[in-house]
Amino acid sequence: MVGTRIDGKIIAQSVKDRVKKATEELKKQGISPCLATILIGANSASATYVKNKHTACKEVGIATKDYKLDANITQSELTRIIDELNADKLVHGILVQLPLPKQLDTFATTSRISPLKDVDGLTPHNAGLLTMKKAALVACTPSGIMEMFDYHRIDIEGKNVVLINRSNLVGKPLYHLLLEKNATVLTCHSKTKNLSELCQNADIIITAVGNRNKFTLTSDMIKEGAIVIDVAISRFKEKLVGDSDYKDIIQKASFATPVPGGVGPMTVAMLLKNTITAASLSSQIV
């Protein structure tokens, strides 16, 4: 059998279309959604990611503020800028592009962002609300994956899910989102034993390792008809790849995401959605 390709570009566009309509409605109410991005240093990959986010914002009518800061900025200087953006009523979302230079503390930085403007869903407040099924702003990649399931009407209730990642950006928030949908979730990582066997028993595999030198998900590790969501993206042998070979996996899986063009576009689309949500929340504050 040959499975169905989960095309992130098509699904992301459907999200963008909804966001564009919501943006227009907010503007009629006198609210102009605005996202502020903070890029520190000259990391070319990070600069590309931020540029893509600004381009996407422009497509749907979201205004942007672009902060490009010196790589040697101190924690106190960065905190001052975040505080200013927190206080700016015309800014609805704040995104600090990760990773940060070594002298900066990631937790202290993301924690400083107002939970109401936390479009990455990384503050302790929003992460805590997620565990209680109350979060309005959820990490973009995990929520994008859930959007993919919804788009293809994939029912995950009661399904056995193997999640190969335990990061704050992907694994942990995704774990809670899957639980909300009544999936049975097994979180795996670098210390997990018998990973191949665990994968072979899974209805859904979501993998986000991002290092082909250490891990590759091969077709013999999945059962017939399994669903494979490949979140990873890295450069391997001069190509952009995920954790798996899509052409190989799709011969056995019922659904699978390609890399690139799978989960990646969804992350940006959900950032736009979060910005609109944050702008809507701001209108409810008295």
C-alpha atoms as a PDB file:
ATOM      1  CA  MET A   1       0.000   0.000   0.000  1.00  0.00           C
ATOM      2  CA  VAL A   2       1.018   3.617  -0.495  1.00  0.00           C
ATOM      3  CA  GLY A   3      -0.131   5.997   2.197  1.00  0.00           C
ATOM      4  CA  THR A   4      -1.484   9.534   2.085  1.00  0.00           C
ATOM      5  CA  ARG A   5       0.945  12.442   2.062  1.00  0.00           C
ATOM      6  CA  ILE A   6       0.197  14.982   4.786  1.00  0.00           C
ATOM      7  CA  ASP A   7       1.027  18.203   2.953  1.00  0.00           C
ATOM      8  CA  GLY A   8       1.908  20.885   5.485  1.00  0.00           C
ATOM      9  CA  LYS A   9       1.844  23.635   2.879  1.00  0.00           C
ATOM     10  CA  ILE A  10      -1.798  23.016   1.998  1.00  0.00           C
ATOM     11  CA  ILE A  11      -2.913  22.711   5.620  1.00  0.00           C
ATOM     12  CA  ALA A  12      -0.903  25.777   6.633  1.00  0.00           C
ATOM     13  CA  GLN A  13      -2.599  27.782   3.886  1.00  0.00           C
ATOM     14  CA  SER A  14      -6.008  26.781   5.241  1.00  0.00           C
ATOM     15  CA  VAL A  15      -4.942  28.125   8.646  1.00  0.00           C
ATOM     16  CA  LYS A  16      -3.606  31.324   7.068  1.00  0.00           C
ATOM     17  CA  ASP A  17      -6.890  31.857   5.249  1.00  0.00           C
ATOM     18  CA  ARG A  18      -8.763  31.690   8.561  1.00  0.00           C
ATOM     19  CA  VAL A  19      -6.230  33.975  10.219  1.00  0.00           C
ATOM     20  CA  LYS A  20      -6.557  36.542   7.436  1.00  0.00           C
ATOM     21  CA  LYS A  21     -10.335  36.690   7.913  1.00  0.00           C
ATOM     22  CA  ALA A  22      -9.927  36.994  11.679  1.00  0.00           C
ATOM     23  CA  THR A  23      -7.375  39.793  11.193  1.00  0.00           C
ATOM     24  CA  GLU A  24      -9.826  41.709   9.037  1.00  0.00           C
ATOM     25  CA  GLU A  25     -12.540  41.337  11.669  1.00  0.00           C
ATOM     26  CA  LEU A  26     -10.247  42.574  14.440  1.00  0.00           C
ATOM     27  CA  LYS A  27      -9.255  45.590  12.378  1.00  0.00           C
ATOM     28  CA  LYS A  28     -12.944  46.475  12.002  1.00  0.00           C
ATOM     29  CA  GLN A  29     -13.027  46.565  15.808  1.00  0.00           C
ATOM     30  CA  GLY A  30     -10.053  48.923  15.902  1.00  0.00           C
ATOM     31  CA  ILE A  31      -7.486  46.254  16.786  1.00  0.00           C
ATOM     32  CA  SER A  32      -4.490  45.913  14.463  1.00  0.00           C
ATOM     33  CA  PRO A  33      -2.720  42.639  15.380  1.00  0.00           C
ATOM     34  CA  CYS A  34       1.018  43.125  15.796  1.00  0.00           C
ATOM     35  CA  LEU A  35       3.869  40.660  16.367  1.00  0.00           C
ATOM     36  CA  ALA A  36       7.254  41.786  17.720  1.00  0.00           C
ATOM     37  CA  THR A  37      10.216  39.539  16.960  1.00  0.00           C
ATOM     38  CA  ILE A  38      13.594  39.656  18.681  1.00  0.00           C
ATOM     39  CA  LEU A  39      16.616  38.225  16.872  1.00  0.00           C
ATOM     40  CA  ILE A  40      19.906  38.205  18.766  1.00  0.00           C
ATOM     41  CA  GLY A  41      23.178  37.780  16.926  1.00  0.00           C
ATOM     42  CA  ALA A  42      23.901  36.785  13.343  1.00  0.00           C
ATOM     43  CA  ASN A  43      22.825  33.150  13.191  1.00  0.00           C
ATOM     44  CA  SER A  44      21.869  32.734   9.522  1.00  0.00           C
ATOM     45  CA  ALA A  45      19.299  29.992  10.145  1.00  0.00           C
ATOM     46  CA  SER A  46      17.576  32.047  12.854  1.00  0.00           C
ATOM     47  CA  ALA A  47      17.593  35.109  10.588  1.00  0.00           C
ATOM     48  CA  THR A  48      15.914  33.076   7.840  1.00  0.00           C
ATOM     49  CA  TYR A  49      13.263  31.778  10.240  1.00  0.00           C
ATOM     50  CA  VAL A  50      12.451  35.314  11.423  1.00  0.00           C
ATOM     51  CA  LYS A  51      12.303  36.603   7.854  1.00  0.00           C
ATOM     52  CA  ASN A  52       9.866  33.846   6.928  1.00  0.00           C
ATOM     53  CA  LYS A  53       7.682  34.735   9.907  1.00  0.00           C
ATOM     54  CA  HIS A  54       7.577  38.381   8.870  1.00  0.00           C
ATOM     55  CA  THR A  55       6.666  37.397   5.313  1.00  0.00           C
ATOM     56  CA  ALA A  56       3.840  35.203   6.595  1.00  0.00           C
ATOM     57  CA  CYS A  57       2.558  38.019   8.814  1.00  0.00           C
ATOM     58  CA  LYS A  58       2.431  40.354   5.831  1.00  0.00           C
ATOM     59  CA  GLU A  59       0.420  37.787   3.857  1.00  0.00           C
ATOM     60  CA  VAL A  60      -2.377  37.761   6.441  1.00  0.00           C
ATOM     61  CA  GLY A  61      -2.282  41.437   7.419  1.00  0.00           C
ATOM     62  CA  ILE A  62      -0.476  41.176  10.763  1.00  0.00           C
ATOM     63  CA  ALA A  63       1.836  44.104  11.504  1.00  0.00           C
ATOM     64  CA  THR A  64       5.375  43.380  12.719  1.00  0.00           C
ATOM     65  CA  LYS A  65       8.116  44.994  14.759  1.00  0.00           C
ATOM     66  CA  ASP A  66      11.597  43.699  14.059  1.00  0.00           C
ATOM     67  CA  TYR A  67      14.281  43.873  16.754  1.00  0.00           C
ATOM     68  CA  LYS A  68      17.776  42.814  15.682  1.00  0.00           C
ATOM     69  CA  LEU A  69      20.063  42.876  18.710  1.00  0.00           C
ATOM     70  CA  ASP A  70      23.812  42.546  19.150  1.00  0.00           C
ATOM     71  CA  ALA A  71      25.070  39.057  20.016  1.00  0.00           C
ATOM     72  CA  ASN A  72      26.775  40.471  23.131  1.00  0.00           C
ATOM     73  CA  ILE A  73      23.622  41.957  24.653  1.00  0.00           C
ATOM     74  CA  THR A  74      23.317  41.411  28.405  1.00  0.00           C
ATOM     75  CA  GLN A  75      20.423  39.716  30.157  1.00  0.00           C
ATOM     76  CA  SER A  76      19.374  42.980  31.811  1.00  0.00           C
ATOM     77  CA  GLU A  77      19.342  44.821  28.484  1.00  0.00           C
ATOM     78  CA  LEU A  78      17.221  42.103  26.894  1.00  0.00           C
ATOM     79  CA  THR A  79      14.874  42.115  29.890  1.00  0.00           C
ATOM     80  CA  ARG A  80      14.381  45.873  29.508  1.00  0.00           C
ATOM     81  CA  ILE A  81      13.345  45.462  25.850  1.00  0.00           C
ATOM     82  CA  ILE A  82      10.927  42.638  26.677  1.00  0.00           C
ATOM     83  CA  ASP A  83       9.414  44.709  29.487  1.00  0.00           C
ATOM     84  CA  GLU A  84       8.883  47.618  27.100  1.00  0.00           C
ATOM     85  CA  LEU A  85       7.103  45.329  24.641  1.00  0.00           C
ATOM     86  CA  ASN A  86       5.028  43.835  27.448  1.00  0.00           C
ATOM     87  CA  ALA A  87       3.821  47.346  28.290  1.00  0.00           C
ATOM     88  CA  ASP A  88       3.165  48.350  24.675  1.00  0.00           C
ATOM     89  CA  LYS A  89      -0.590  48.014  24.092  1.00  0.00           C
ATOM     90  CA  LEU A  90      -0.074  48.072  20.320  1.00  0.00           C
ATOM     91  CA  VAL A  91       2.030  44.882  20.446  1.00  0.00           C
ATOM     92  CA  HIS A  92       0.033  41.677  20.901  1.00  0.00           C
ATOM     93  CA  GLY A  93       2.649  38.978  20.466  1.00  0.00           C
ATOM     94  CA  ILE A  94       6.322  38.731  21.435  1.00  0.00           C
ATOM     95  CA  LEU A  95       8.651  36.138  19.942  1.00  0.00           C
ATOM     96  CA  VAL A  96      12.293  35.731  20.963  1.00  0.00           C
ATOM     97  CA  GLN A  97      14.015  33.603  18.350  1.00  0.00           C
ATOM     98  CA  LEU A  98      15.861  30.630  19.848  1.00  0.00           C
ATOM     99  CA  PRO A  99      18.568  29.502  20.410  1.00  0.00           C
ATOM    100  CA  LEU A 100      20.108  32.363  22.378  1.00  0.00           C
ATOM    101  CA  PRO A 101      23.797  33.259  22.780  1.00  0.00           C
ATOM    102  CA  LYS A 102      25.512  31.495  25.685  1.00  0.00           C
ATOM    103  CA  GLN A 103      25.492  34.506  28.046  1.00  0.00           C
ATOM    104  CA  LEU A 104      21.682  34.625  27.994  1.00  0.00           C
ATOM    105  CA  ASP A 105      19.377  32.404  30.012  1.00  0.00           C
ATOM    106  CA  THR A 106      16.595  30.882  27.912  1.00  0.00           C
ATOM    107  CA  PHE A 107      14.246  30.226  30.826  1.00  0.00           C
ATOM    108  CA  ALA A 108      14.705  33.711  32.286  1.00  0.00           C
ATOM    109  CA  THR A 109      14.123  35.231  28.845  1.00  0.00           C
ATOM    110  CA  THR A 110      10.991  33.332  27.863  1.00  0.00           C
ATOM    111  CA  SER A 111       9.588  33.628  31.391  1.00  0.00           C
ATOM    112  CA  ARG A 112       9.842  37.411  31.169  1.00  0.00           C
ATOM    113  CA  ILE A 113       7.353  37.580  28.312  1.00  0.00           C
ATOM    114  CA  SER A 114       3.802  38.406  29.354  1.00  0.00           C
ATOM    115  CA  PRO A 115       1.696  35.191  29.228  1.00  0.00           C
ATOM    116  CA  LEU A 116      -0.896  37.148  27.245  1.00  0.00           C
ATOM    117  CA  LYS A 117       1.725  37.909  24.556  1.00  0.00           C
ATOM    118  CA  ASP A 118       3.494  34.553  24.688  1.00  0.00           C
ATOM    119  CA  VAL A 119       2.818  33.426  21.101  1.00  0.00           C
ATOM    120  CA  ASP A 120       5.376  30.612  21.427  1.00  0.00           C
ATOM    121  CA  GLY A 121       3.519  29.155  24.420  1.00  0.00           C
ATOM    122  CA  LEU A 122       6.748  28.798  26.404  1.00  0.00           C
ATOM    123  CA  THR A 123       6.111  30.757  29.592  1.00  0.00           C
ATOM    124  CA  PRO A 124       5.650  28.705  32.787  1.00  0.00           C
ATOM    125  CA  HIS A 125       2.147  30.180  33.071  1.00  0.00           C
ATOM    126  CA  ASN A 126       0.989  28.932  29.668  1.00  0.00           C
ATOM    127  CA  ALA A 127       2.841  25.629  29.982  1.00  0.00           C
ATOM    128  CA  GLY A 128       1.060  25.081  33.294  1.00  0.00           C
ATOM    129  CA  LEU A 129      -2.338  25.966  31.844  1.00  0.00           C
ATOM    130  CA  LEU A 130      -1.752  23.400  29.093  1.00  0.00           C
ATOM    131  CA  THR A 131      -1.466  20.601  31.642  1.00  0.00           C
ATOM    132  CA  MET A 132      -4.889  21.663  32.968  1.00  0.00           C
ATOM    133  CA  LYS A 133      -6.491  21.912  29.490  1.00  0.00           C
ATOM    134  CA  LYS A 134      -6.889  25.682  29.887  1.00  0.00           C
ATOM    135  CA  ALA A 135      -4.177  27.124  27.614  1.00  0.00           C
ATOM    136  CA  ALA A 136      -5.180  29.651  24.954  1.00  0.00           C
ATOM    137  CA  LEU A 137      -1.627  30.028  23.629  1.00  0.00           C
ATOM    138  CA  VAL A 138       0.076  26.698  22.887  1.00  0.00           C
ATOM    139  CA  ALA A 139       3.523  25.944  21.442  1.00  0.00           C
ATOM    140  CA  CYS A 140       3.292  26.296  17.661  1.00  0.00           C
ATOM    141  CA  THR A 141       4.763  23.023  16.391  1.00  0.00           C
ATOM    142  CA  PRO A 142       2.669  20.773  18.677  1.00  0.00           C
ATOM    143  CA  SER A 143      -0.545  22.675  17.912  1.00  0.00           C
ATOM    144  CA  GLY A 144       0.341  22.498  14.207  1.00  0.00           C
ATOM    145  CA  ILE A 145       0.569  18.709  14.431  1.00  0.00           C
ATOM    146  CA  MET A 146      -2.846  18.558  16.061  1.00  0.00           C
ATOM    147  CA  GLU A 147      -4.168  20.739  13.238  1.00  0.00           C
ATOM    148  CA  MET A 148      -2.833  18.162  10.771  1.00  0.00           C
ATOM    149  CA  PHE A 149      -4.768  15.397  12.493  1.00  0.00           C
ATOM    150  CA  ASP A 150      -7.936  17.502  12.420  1.00  0.00           C
ATOM    151  CA  TYR A 151      -7.506  18.392   8.738  1.00  0.00           C
ATOM    152  CA  HIS A 152      -7.296  14.731   7.728  1.00  0.00           C
ATOM    153  CA  ARG A 153      -9.976  13.729  10.257  1.00  0.00           C
ATOM    154  CA  ILE A 154      -7.589  11.335  11.942  1.00  0.00           C
ATOM    155  CA  ASP A 155      -9.184  10.119  15.166  1.00  0.00           C
ATOM    156  CA  ILE A 156      -6.450   9.587  17.749  1.00  0.00           C
ATOM    157  CA  GLU A 157      -8.709   8.557  20.622  1.00  0.00           C
ATOM    158  CA  GLY A 158      -7.454   5.291  22.108  1.00  0.00           C
ATOM    159  CA  LYS A 159      -4.515   5.150  19.698  1.00  0.00           C
ATOM    160  CA  ASN A 160      -1.054   4.142  20.923  1.00  0.00           C
ATOM    161  CA  VAL A 161       1.312   7.035  20.219  1.00  0.00           C
ATOM    162  CA  VAL A 162       5.092   6.836  20.432  1.00  0.00           C
ATOM    163  CA  LEU A 163       6.492  10.332  20.832  1.00  0.00           C
ATOM    164  CA  ILE A 164      10.251  10.511  20.318  1.00  0.00           C
ATOM    165  CA  ASN A 165      11.079  13.850  21.910  1.00  0.00           C
ATOM    166  CA  ARG A 166      10.843  15.372  25.398  1.00  0.00           C
ATOM    167  CA  SER A 167      11.734  19.021  24.749  1.00  0.00           C
ATOM    168  CA  ASN A 168       9.805  22.046  26.005  1.00  0.00           C
ATOM    169  CA  LEU A 169       9.214  23.104  22.400  1.00  0.00           C
ATOM    170  CA  VAL A 170       7.768  19.870  21.061  1.00  0.00           C
ATOM    171  CA  GLY A 171       7.582  16.751  23.205  1.00  0.00           C
ATOM    172  CA  LYS A 172       6.186  18.017  26.481  1.00  0.00           C
ATOM    173  CA  PRO A 173       3.387  20.240  25.137  1.00  0.00           C
ATOM    174  CA  LEU A 174       2.494  17.673  22.476  1.00  0.00           C
ATOM    175  CA  TYR A 175       2.186  15.007  25.159  1.00  0.00           C
ATOM    176  CA  HIS A 176      -0.548  17.002  26.876  1.00  0.00           C
ATOM    177  CA  LEU A 177      -2.346  17.846  23.625  1.00  0.00           C
ATOM    178  CA  LEU A 178      -2.448  14.163  22.708  1.00  0.00           C
ATOM    179  CA  LEU A 179      -3.744  13.247  26.158  1.00  0.00           C
ATOM    180  CA  GLU A 180      -6.536  15.805  25.730  1.00  0.00           C
ATOM    181  CA  LYS A 181      -7.645  13.789  22.695  1.00  0.00           C
ATOM    182  CA  ASN A 182      -7.566  10.569  24.748  1.00  0.00           C
ATOM    183  CA  ALA A 183      -4.558   9.020  23.046  1.00  0.00           C
ATOM    184  CA  THR A 184      -2.271   6.673  24.972  1.00  0.00           C
ATOM    185  CA  VAL A 185       1.114   8.381  24.826  1.00  0.00           C
ATOM    186  CA  LEU A 186       4.560   6.910  25.398  1.00  0.00           C
ATOM    187  CA  THR A 187       7.343   9.505  25.495  1.00  0.00           C
ATOM    188  CA  CYS A 188      10.707   8.178  24.307  1.00  0.00           C
ATOM    189  CA  HIS A 189      14.159   9.765  24.336  1.00  0.00           C
ATOM    190  CA  SER A 190      17.904   9.055  24.142  1.00  0.00           C
ATOM    191  CA  LYS A 191      17.802   6.777  27.203  1.00  0.00           C
ATOM    192  CA  THR A 192      14.800   4.729  26.076  1.00  0.00           C
ATOM    193  CA  LYS A 193      15.477   1.021  25.639  1.00  0.00           C
ATOM    194  CA  ASN A 194      14.041  -1.188  22.880  1.00  0.00           C
ATOM    195  CA  LEU A 195      12.886   1.829  20.865  1.00  0.00           C
ATOM    196  CA  SER A 196      12.437  -0.182  17.666  1.00  0.00           C
ATOM    197  CA  GLU A 197      10.115  -2.614  19.402  1.00  0.00           C
ATOM    198  CA  LEU A 198       8.097   0.210  20.929  1.00  0.00           C
ATOM    199  CA  CYS A 199       7.713   1.854  17.532  1.00  0.00           C
ATOM    200  CA  GLN A 200       6.567  -1.393  15.915  1.00  0.00           C
ATOM    201  CA  ASN A 201       3.606  -1.503  18.296  1.00  0.00           C
ATOM    202  CA  ALA A 202       2.577   2.116  17.768  1.00  0.00           C
ATOM    203  CA  ASP A 203      -0.446   3.318  15.807  1.00  0.00           C
ATOM    204  CA  ILE A 204       1.149   6.765  15.517  1.00  0.00           C
ATOM    205  CA  ILE A 205       4.835   7.702  15.642  1.00  0.00           C
ATOM    206  CA  ILE A 206       5.864  11.325  16.083  1.00  0.00           C
ATOM    207  CA  THR A 207       9.605  11.756  15.835  1.00  0.00           C
ATOM    208  CA  ALA A 208      11.674  14.888  16.445  1.00  0.00           C
ATOM    209  CA  VAL A 209      15.292  13.867  17.032  1.00  0.00           C
ATOM    210  CA  GLY A 210      16.967  15.867  14.269  1.00  0.00           C
ATOM    211  CA  ASN A 211      20.269  14.000  14.100  1.00  0.00           C
ATOM    212  CA  ARG A 212      20.569  11.361  11.397  1.00  0.00           C
ATOM    213  CA  ASN A 213      23.996  10.370  12.692  1.00  0.00           C
ATOM    214  CA  LYS A 214      22.337   9.161  15.889  1.00  0.00           C
ATOM    215  CA  PHE A 215      18.833   8.117  14.838  1.00  0.00           C
ATOM    216  CA  THR A 216      16.883   7.158  11.735  1.00  0.00           C
ATOM    217  CA  LEU A 217      13.302   5.911  11.700  1.00  0.00           C
ATOM    218  CA  THR A 218      13.199   3.129   9.086  1.00  0.00           C
ATOM    219  CA  SER A 219      10.237   1.303   7.587  1.00  0.00           C
ATOM    220  CA  ASP A 220      11.027  -1.899   9.487  1.00  0.00           C
ATOM    221  CA  MET A 221      10.399   0.055  12.724  1.00  0.00           C
ATOM    222  CA  ILE A 222       6.759   0.810  11.881  1.00  0.00           C
ATOM    223  CA  LYS A 223       3.775  -1.474  11.499  1.00  0.00           C
ATOM    224  CA  GLU A 224       1.595  -1.625   8.420  1.00  0.00           C
ATOM    225  CA  GLY A 225      -0.816   1.290   8.345  1.00  0.00           C
ATOM    226  CA  ALA A 226       0.872   3.335  11.062  1.00  0.00           C
ATOM    227  CA  ILE A 227       0.852   7.136  10.937  1.00  0.00           C
ATOM    228  CA  VAL A 228       4.248   8.858  10.924  1.00  0.00           C
ATOM    229  CA  ILE A 229       4.720  12.546  11.745  1.00  0.00           C
ATOM    230  CA  ASP A 230       8.319  13.607  11.130  1.00  0.00           C
ATOM    231  CA  VAL A 231       9.011  16.861  12.956  1.00  0.00           C
ATOM    232  CA  ALA A 232      12.803  16.882  12.564  1.00  0.00           C
ATOM    233  CA  ILE A 233      14.756  18.860  10.019  1.00  0.00           C
ATOM    234  CA  SER A 234      18.508  18.860   9.645  1.00  0.00           C
ATOM    235  CA  ARG A 235      21.170  18.824   6.956  1.00  0.00           C
ATOM    236  CA  PHE A 236      22.544  15.351   6.185  1.00  0.00           C
ATOM    237  CA  LYS A 237      24.756  14.524   3.214  1.00  0.00           C
ATOM    238  CA  GLU A 238      24.070  18.007   1.796  1.00  0.00           C
ATOM    239  CA  LYS A 239      20.289  17.523   1.912  1.00  0.00           C
ATOM    240  CA  LEU A 240      17.529  18.743   4.210  1.00  0.00           C
ATOM    241  CA  VAL A 241      16.121  15.643   5.869  1.00  0.00           C
ATOM    242  CA  GLY A 242      13.910  14.545   8.735  1.00  0.00           C
ATOM    243  CA  ASP A 243      14.337  11.518  10.956  1.00  0.00           C
ATOM    244  CA  SER A 244      12.959   9.221   8.260  1.00  0.00           C
ATOM    245  CA  ASP A 245      13.076   8.618   4.519  1.00  0.00           C
ATOM    246  CA  TYR A 246       9.606   9.685   3.379  1.00  0.00           C
ATOM    247  CA  LYS A 247       9.722   7.681   0.132  1.00  0.00           C
ATOM    248  CA  ASP A 248      10.442   4.549   2.140  1.00  0.00           C
ATOM    249  CA  ILE A 249       8.018   5.209   4.995  1.00  0.00           C
ATOM    250  CA  ILE A 250       5.029   6.122   2.794  1.00  0.00           C
ATOM    251  CA  GLN A 251       5.078   2.645   1.243  1.00  0.00           C
ATOM    252  CA  LYS A 252       4.014   1.215   4.588  1.00  0.00           C
ATOM    253  CA  ALA A 253       2.345   4.044   6.506  1.00  0.00           C
ATOM    254  CA  SER A 254      -1.292   5.082   6.092  1.00  0.00           C
ATOM    255  CA  PHE A 255      -0.313   8.746   6.516  1.00  0.00           C
ATOM    256  CA  ALA A 256       3.104  10.411   6.656  1.00  0.00           C
ATOM    257  CA  THR A 257       4.643  13.875   6.513  1.00  0.00           C
ATOM    258  CA  PRO A 258       7.475  14.766   4.127  1.00  0.00           C
ATOM    259  CA  VAL A 259      10.537  16.808   5.067  1.00  0.00           C
ATOM    260  CA  PRO A 260      10.657  19.566   4.038  1.00  0.00           C
ATOM    261  CA  GLY A 261       7.052  20.592   3.420  1.00  0.00           C
ATOM    262  CA  GLY A 262       5.402  18.744   6.279  1.00  0.00           C
ATOM    263  CA  VAL A 263       5.350  20.020   9.844  1.00  0.00           C
ATOM    264  CA  GLY A 264       7.576  23.045   9.124  1.00  0.00           C
ATOM    265  CA  PRO A 265       4.963  25.247   7.409  1.00  0.00           C
ATOM    266  CA  MET A 266       2.502  24.459  10.204  1.00  0.00           C
ATOM    267  CA  THR A 267       4.763  26.002  12.848  1.00  0.00           C
ATOM    268  CA  VAL A 268       4.654  29.401  11.155  1.00  0.00           C
ATOM    269  CA  ALA A 269       0.905  29.145  10.480  1.00  0.00           C
ATOM    270  CA  MET A 270       0.171  28.428  14.138  1.00  0.00           C
ATOM    271  CA  LEU A 271       2.342  31.377  15.177  1.00  0.00           C
ATOM    272  CA  LEU A 272       0.021  33.584  13.123  1.00  0.00           C
ATOM    273  CA  LYS A 273      -2.994  31.949  14.739  1.00  0.00           C
ATOM    274  CA  ASN A 274      -1.528  32.529  18.208  1.00  0.00           C
ATOM    275  CA  THR A 275      -0.899  36.192  17.393  1.00  0.00           C
ATOM    276  CA  ILE A 276      -4.547  36.635  16.429  1.00  0.00           C
ATOM    277  CA  THR A 277      -5.611  34.842  19.598  1.00  0.00           C
ATOM    278  CA  ALA A 278      -3.380  37.134  21.669  1.00  0.00           C
ATOM    279  CA  ALA A 279      -4.819  40.193  19.925  1.00  0.00           C
ATOM    280  CA  SER A 280      -8.342  38.948  20.671  1.00  0.00           C
ATOM    281  CA  LEU A 281      -7.441  38.400  24.323  1.00  0.00           C
ATOM    282  CA  SER A 282      -6.143  41.971  24.559  1.00  0.00           C
ATOM    283  CA  SER A 283      -9.581  43.302  23.596  1.00  0.00           C
ATOM    284  CA  GLN A 284     -11.116  41.506  26.574  1.00  0.00           C
ATOM    285  CA  ILE A 285      -8.817  43.140  29.124  1.00  0.00           C
ATOM    286  CA  VAL A 286     -10.513  45.918  31.078  1.00  0.00           C
END
